[in-house]
Amino acid sequence: MSAVSRLWLSVRGWVDSTIRLSGRGWRLVLLPALIPFPIIAVAENGLNLERAQWAWAIGSGWLAAWYALVSWRFWRYMKETAIKGDRHYDRVGKYDLPSEYAGTESATAAKRRSKD
């Protein structure tokens, strides 16, 4: 396994585990997006205007890329949670409700059936 794929797997695993934390865990996942900005602020004093603009552009690109990664992983986590909840409803949940709901199905099952 190459170093890049090991790095990707470790970053993805950290993001996923941090998103799954209850409470304030999601705030922690946003911190790496801010890493370049203090460095840019310190380095900006020694840079000319053009280089400082490039530094801010690179920092902003990093911020956008990190937020895109976190948003994508959060969307996948929410989808996974919804599917697990729908499976639980299909197996157990609908039978705990009044009898007229026993013949119903979850949104995931209905979507899967409509695709067939």
N, C-alpha and C. Protein backbone atom coordinates (compact mmCIF):
# COMPACT_ATOMS: atom_id res chain seq x y z
N MET A 1 0.85 -1.17 0.00
CA MET A 1 0.00 0.00 0.00
C MET A 1 0.89 1.24 0.00
N SER A 2 0.57 2.16 -0.85
CA SER A 2 1.40 3.36 -0.97
C SER A 2 1.15 4.31 0.20
N ALA A 3 2.05 5.26 0.33
CA ALA A 3 1.94 6.23 1.43
C ALA A 3 0.71 7.12 1.26
N VAL A 4 0.38 7.43 0.03
CA VAL A 4 -0.79 8.29 -0.22
C VAL A 4 -2.07 7.57 0.18
N SER A 5 -2.19 6.30 -0.17
CA SER A 5 -3.41 5.57 0.20
C SER A 5 -3.49 5.34 1.71
N ARG A 6 -2.35 5.13 2.36
CA ARG A 6 -2.37 5.01 3.83
C ARG A 6 -2.79 6.33 4.47
N LEU A 7 -2.30 7.44 3.92
CA LEU A 7 -2.69 8.76 4.43
C LEU A 7 -4.18 8.98 4.22
N TRP A 8 -4.68 8.65 3.02
CA TRP A 8 -6.09 8.81 2.73
C TRP A 8 -6.94 7.99 3.69
N LEU A 9 -6.58 6.73 3.91
CA LEU A 9 -7.35 5.88 4.80
C LEU A 9 -7.34 6.38 6.24
N SER A 10 -6.20 6.89 6.67
CA SER A 10 -6.14 7.39 8.04
C SER A 10 -6.94 8.68 8.21
N VAL A 11 -6.86 9.58 7.23
CA VAL A 11 -7.65 10.83 7.30
C VAL A 11 -9.13 10.52 7.22
N ARG A 12 -9.51 9.65 6.30
CA ARG A 12 -10.92 9.27 6.16
C ARG A 12 -11.43 8.58 7.43
N GLY A 13 -10.63 7.71 8.01
CA GLY A 13 -11.02 7.05 9.25
C GLY A 13 -11.18 8.02 10.40
N TRP A 14 -10.27 9.00 10.49
CA TRP A 14 -10.37 10.00 11.55
C TRP A 14 -11.62 10.84 11.37
N VAL A 15 -11.89 11.26 10.14
CA VAL A 15 -13.08 12.07 9.87
C VAL A 15 -14.34 11.28 10.21
N ASP A 16 -14.39 10.03 9.78
CA ASP A 16 -15.57 9.21 10.05
C ASP A 16 -15.78 8.99 11.54
N SER A 17 -14.71 8.67 12.26
CA SER A 17 -14.86 8.42 13.70
C SER A 17 -15.21 9.71 14.45
N THR A 18 -14.71 10.83 14.00
CA THR A 18 -15.02 12.10 14.65
C THR A 18 -16.47 12.51 14.39
N ILE A 19 -16.95 12.26 13.19
CA ILE A 19 -18.35 12.57 12.87
C ILE A 19 -19.29 11.71 13.72
N ARG A 20 -18.90 10.47 13.97
CA ARG A 20 -19.75 9.56 14.74
C ARG A 20 -19.78 9.88 16.23
N LEU A 21 -18.86 10.71 16.71
CA LEU A 21 -18.88 11.08 18.12
C LEU A 21 -20.15 11.84 18.43
N SER A 22 -20.72 11.56 19.57
CA SER A 22 -21.91 12.32 19.94
C SER A 22 -21.48 13.62 20.61
N GLY A 23 -22.35 14.58 20.58
CA GLY A 23 -22.06 15.85 21.23
C GLY A 23 -21.25 16.77 20.34
N ARG A 24 -20.08 17.17 20.80
CA ARG A 24 -19.29 18.19 20.11
C ARG A 24 -18.27 17.63 19.15
N GLY A 25 -18.32 16.36 18.84
CA GLY A 25 -17.34 15.75 17.96
C GLY A 25 -17.28 16.35 16.58
N TRP A 26 -18.42 16.80 16.07
CA TRP A 26 -18.44 17.35 14.72
C TRP A 26 -17.65 18.65 14.62
N ARG A 27 -17.52 19.37 15.72
CA ARG A 27 -16.75 20.63 15.68
C ARG A 27 -15.26 20.35 15.52
N LEU A 28 -14.81 19.25 16.09
CA LEU A 28 -13.41 18.88 16.01
C LEU A 28 -12.98 18.58 14.57
N VAL A 29 -13.88 18.06 13.78
CA VAL A 29 -13.55 17.69 12.41
C VAL A 29 -13.33 18.93 11.53
N LEU A 30 -13.82 20.07 11.95
CA LEU A 30 -13.66 21.29 11.16
C LEU A 30 -12.33 22.00 11.42
N LEU A 31 -11.65 21.65 12.49
CA LEU A 31 -10.40 22.34 12.84
C LEU A 31 -9.28 22.20 11.81
N PRO A 32 -9.03 21.04 11.21
CA PRO A 32 -7.94 20.97 10.23
C PRO A 32 -8.09 21.90 9.04
N ALA A 33 -9.29 22.36 8.77
CA ALA A 33 -9.50 23.31 7.67
C ALA A 33 -8.83 24.64 7.96
N LEU A 34 -8.63 24.94 9.23
CA LEU A 34 -8.09 26.25 9.60
C LEU A 34 -6.57 26.25 9.76
N ILE A 35 -5.93 25.12 9.55
CA ILE A 35 -4.47 25.01 9.74
C ILE A 35 -3.68 26.04 8.94
N PRO A 36 -3.95 26.24 7.65
CA PRO A 36 -3.10 27.16 6.89
C PRO A 36 -3.21 28.63 7.29
N PHE A 37 -4.31 29.05 7.88
CA PHE A 37 -4.54 30.47 8.08
C PHE A 37 -3.63 31.12 9.13
N PRO A 38 -3.35 30.51 10.27
CA PRO A 38 -2.36 31.13 11.16
C PRO A 38 -0.96 31.17 10.54
N ILE A 39 -0.62 30.14 9.80
CA ILE A 39 0.68 30.12 9.13
C ILE A 39 0.75 31.25 8.11
N ILE A 40 -0.32 31.45 7.36
CA ILE A 40 -0.36 32.53 6.37
C ILE A 40 -0.27 33.88 7.05
N ALA A 41 -0.97 34.04 8.15
CA ALA A 41 -0.97 35.32 8.86
C ALA A 41 0.43 35.67 9.35
N VAL A 42 1.16 34.68 9.84
CA VAL A 42 2.52 34.92 10.32
C VAL A 42 3.46 35.17 9.14
N ALA A 43 3.32 34.37 8.10
CA ALA A 43 4.21 34.49 6.95
C ALA A 43 3.91 35.71 6.10
N GLU A 44 2.71 36.26 6.23
CA GLU A 44 2.31 37.38 5.39
C GLU A 44 3.18 38.62 5.63
N ASN A 45 3.73 38.76 6.81
CA ASN A 45 4.56 39.91 7.11
C ASN A 45 5.83 39.94 6.27
N GLY A 46 6.38 38.77 5.95
CA GLY A 46 7.61 38.71 5.17
C GLY A 46 7.39 38.57 3.68
N LEU A 47 6.15 38.41 3.24
CA LEU A 47 5.87 38.20 1.82
C LEU A 47 5.45 39.51 1.15
N ASN A 48 5.73 39.58 -0.15
CA ASN A 48 5.19 40.73 -0.87
C ASN A 48 3.70 40.49 -1.16
N LEU A 49 3.02 41.45 -1.71
CA LEU A 49 1.57 41.39 -1.87
C LEU A 49 1.15 40.23 -2.78
N GLU A 50 1.88 40.03 -3.87
CA GLU A 50 1.50 38.98 -4.81
C GLU A 50 1.62 37.60 -4.16
N ARG A 51 2.70 37.36 -3.45
CA ARG A 51 2.88 36.06 -2.79
C ARG A 51 1.86 35.87 -1.67
N ALA A 52 1.53 36.93 -0.98
CA ALA A 52 0.52 36.84 0.08
C ALA A 52 -0.84 36.48 -0.52
N GLN A 53 -1.17 37.02 -1.68
CA GLN A 53 -2.43 36.68 -2.33
C GLN A 53 -2.46 35.22 -2.74
N TRP A 54 -1.32 34.72 -3.24
CA TRP A 54 -1.24 33.30 -3.58
C TRP A 54 -1.38 32.44 -2.34
N ALA A 55 -0.79 32.85 -1.25
CA ALA A 55 -0.90 32.09 0.00
C ALA A 55 -2.36 32.03 0.47
N TRP A 56 -3.05 33.15 0.38
CA TRP A 56 -4.46 33.16 0.76
C TRP A 56 -5.31 32.32 -0.19
N ALA A 57 -4.97 32.32 -1.46
CA ALA A 57 -5.70 31.50 -2.43
C ALA A 57 -5.50 30.01 -2.13
N ILE A 58 -4.28 29.62 -1.82
CA ILE A 58 -4.01 28.22 -1.49
C ILE A 58 -4.72 27.83 -0.19
N GLY A 59 -4.68 28.72 0.80
CA GLY A 59 -5.38 28.45 2.05
C GLY A 59 -6.89 28.32 1.86
N SER A 60 -7.44 29.16 1.03
CA SER A 60 -8.88 29.09 0.75
C SER A 60 -9.23 27.82 -0.01
N GLY A 61 -8.36 27.41 -0.91
CA GLY A 61 -8.57 26.14 -1.62
C GLY A 61 -8.54 24.95 -0.66
N TRP A 62 -7.59 24.99 0.27
CA TRP A 62 -7.52 23.93 1.29
C TRP A 62 -8.81 23.91 2.12
N LEU A 63 -9.30 25.08 2.51
CA LEU A 63 -10.53 25.18 3.29
C LEU A 63 -11.70 24.58 2.52
N ALA A 64 -11.83 24.94 1.27
CA ALA A 64 -12.94 24.42 0.45
C ALA A 64 -12.83 22.91 0.26
N ALA A 65 -11.63 22.42 0.01
CA ALA A 65 -11.44 20.97 -0.18
C ALA A 65 -11.76 20.21 1.11
N TRP A 66 -11.31 20.72 2.25
CA TRP A 66 -11.57 20.04 3.51
C TRP A 66 -13.07 20.02 3.83
N TYR A 67 -13.74 21.16 3.62
CA TYR A 67 -15.18 21.19 3.88
C TYR A 67 -15.94 20.28 2.92
N ALA A 68 -15.48 20.16 1.69
CA ALA A 68 -16.11 19.24 0.75
C ALA A 68 -15.94 17.79 1.21
N LEU A 69 -14.75 17.44 1.68
CA LEU A 69 -14.52 16.09 2.19
C LEU A 69 -15.41 15.80 3.39
N VAL A 70 -15.46 16.71 4.34
CA VAL A 70 -16.26 16.51 5.55
C VAL A 70 -17.75 16.44 5.20
N SER A 71 -18.20 17.27 4.28
CA SER A 71 -19.61 17.25 3.88
C SER A 71 -19.96 15.93 3.21
N TRP A 72 -19.07 15.44 2.35
CA TRP A 72 -19.31 14.17 1.67
C TRP A 72 -19.38 13.02 2.67
N ARG A 73 -18.44 12.98 3.62
CA ARG A 73 -18.42 11.91 4.61
C ARG A 73 -19.65 12.00 5.54
N PHE A 74 -20.06 13.23 5.89
CA PHE A 74 -21.25 13.40 6.73
C PHE A 74 -22.49 12.95 5.99
N TRP A 75 -22.59 13.26 4.70
CA TRP A 75 -23.73 12.82 3.90
C TRP A 75 -23.79 11.30 3.86
N ARG A 76 -22.64 10.64 3.68
CA ARG A 76 -22.61 9.17 3.65
C ARG A 76 -23.01 8.59 5.00
N TYR A 77 -22.56 9.23 6.08
CA TYR A 77 -22.92 8.77 7.42
C TYR A 77 -24.43 8.90 7.65
N MET A 78 -25.01 10.01 7.24
CA MET A 78 -26.45 10.19 7.40
C MET A 78 -27.24 9.18 6.57
N LYS A 79 -26.77 8.89 5.37
CA LYS A 79 -27.42 7.91 4.53
C LYS A 79 -27.34 6.52 5.17
N GLU A 80 -26.18 6.18 5.71
CA GLU A 80 -26.00 4.90 6.40
C GLU A 80 -26.93 4.79 7.60
N THR A 81 -27.04 5.86 8.37
CA THR A 81 -27.92 5.87 9.53
C THR A 81 -29.38 5.71 9.12
N ALA A 82 -29.78 6.36 8.05
CA ALA A 82 -31.17 6.25 7.57
C ALA A 82 -31.47 4.83 7.11
N ILE A 83 -30.54 4.20 6.41
CA ILE A 83 -30.75 2.83 5.94
C ILE A 83 -30.86 1.87 7.12
N LYS A 84 -29.99 2.04 8.12
CA LYS A 84 -30.07 1.18 9.31
C LYS A 84 -31.39 1.37 10.03
N GLY A 85 -31.86 2.60 10.15
CA GLY A 85 -33.14 2.86 10.79
C GLY A 85 -34.30 2.24 10.01
N ASP A 86 -34.25 2.33 8.68
CA ASP A 86 -35.30 1.74 7.86
C ASP A 86 -35.29 0.22 7.96
N ARG A 87 -34.12 -0.38 8.00
CA ARG A 87 -34.05 -1.84 8.17
C ARG A 87 -34.62 -2.26 9.52
N HIS A 88 -34.33 -1.50 10.55
CA HIS A 88 -34.88 -1.80 11.87
C HIS A 88 -36.40 -1.67 11.85
N TYR A 89 -36.91 -0.67 11.16
CA TYR A 89 -38.37 -0.50 11.06
C TYR A 89 -38.99 -1.69 10.35
N ASP A 90 -38.35 -2.15 9.24
CA ASP A 90 -38.90 -3.27 8.49
C ASP A 90 -38.88 -4.57 9.29
N ARG A 91 -37.86 -4.77 10.12
CA ARG A 91 -37.74 -6.03 10.86
C ARG A 91 -38.52 -6.02 12.16
N VAL A 92 -38.48 -4.90 12.89
CA VAL A 92 -39.02 -4.88 14.24
C VAL A 92 -40.03 -3.77 14.45
N GLY A 93 -39.68 -2.57 14.03
CA GLY A 93 -40.43 -1.37 14.42
C GLY A 93 -41.89 -1.35 14.05
N LYS A 94 -42.21 -1.80 12.84
CA LYS A 94 -43.61 -1.70 12.41
C LYS A 94 -44.52 -2.66 13.17
N TYR A 95 -43.95 -3.69 13.75
CA TYR A 95 -44.77 -4.64 14.52
C TYR A 95 -45.03 -4.14 15.93
N ASP A 96 -44.29 -3.12 16.37
CA ASP A 96 -44.55 -2.51 17.67
C ASP A 96 -45.66 -1.47 17.58
N LEU A 97 -46.02 -1.09 16.36
CA LEU A 97 -47.07 -0.10 16.13
C LEU A 97 -48.43 -0.80 16.05
N PRO A 98 -49.52 -0.05 15.96
CA PRO A 98 -50.83 -0.70 15.79
C PRO A 98 -50.87 -1.59 14.55
N SER A 99 -51.78 -2.53 14.52
CA SER A 99 -51.81 -3.58 13.50
C SER A 99 -51.94 -3.06 12.07
N GLU A 100 -52.53 -1.90 11.86
CA GLU A 100 -52.68 -1.41 10.48
C GLU A 100 -51.35 -1.01 9.85
N TYR A 101 -50.29 -0.89 10.64
CA TYR A 101 -48.96 -0.55 10.11
C TYR A 101 -48.12 -1.78 9.78
N ALA A 102 -48.58 -2.96 10.11
CA ALA A 102 -47.79 -4.18 9.90
C ALA A 102 -47.52 -4.44 8.42
N GLY A 103 -48.39 -3.98 7.55
CA GLY A 103 -48.20 -4.19 6.12
C GLY A 103 -47.40 -3.10 5.44
N THR A 104 -46.94 -2.11 6.17
CA THR A 104 -46.21 -1.00 5.57
C THR A 104 -44.74 -1.36 5.38
N GLU A 105 -44.05 -0.53 4.64
CA GLU A 105 -42.62 -0.72 4.43
C GLU A 105 -41.90 0.62 4.58
N SER A 106 -40.61 0.54 4.79
CA SER A 106 -39.81 1.75 4.98
C SER A 106 -39.59 2.45 3.64
N ALA A 107 -39.07 3.66 3.72
CA ALA A 107 -38.79 4.43 2.50
C ALA A 107 -37.70 3.76 1.66
N THR A 108 -36.71 3.16 2.32
CA THR A 108 -35.65 2.48 1.58
C THR A 108 -36.19 1.27 0.84
N ALA A 109 -37.05 0.49 1.47
CA ALA A 109 -37.64 -0.67 0.82
C ALA A 109 -38.54 -0.25 -0.34
N ALA A 110 -39.29 0.81 -0.16
CA ALA A 110 -40.16 1.30 -1.24
C ALA A 110 -39.35 1.79 -2.43
N LYS A 111 -38.26 2.48 -2.14
CA LYS A 111 -37.38 2.96 -3.21
C LYS A 111 -36.74 1.80 -3.95
N ARG A 112 -36.29 0.78 -3.19
CA ARG A 112 -35.67 -0.39 -3.82
C ARG A 112 -36.70 -1.13 -4.68
N ARG A 113 -37.94 -1.25 -4.19
CA ARG A 113 -38.99 -1.94 -4.94
C ARG A 113 -39.37 -1.18 -6.20
N SER A 114 -39.38 0.15 -6.13
CA SER A 114 -39.75 0.95 -7.30
C SER A 114 -38.66 0.92 -8.38
N LYS A 115 -37.43 0.65 -8.00
CA LYS A 115 -36.35 0.56 -8.99
C LYS A 115 -36.41 -0.75 -9.77
N ASP A 116 -36.97 -1.79 -9.14
CA ASP A 116 -37.03 -3.12 -9.80
C ASP A 116 -38.08 -3.19 -10.86
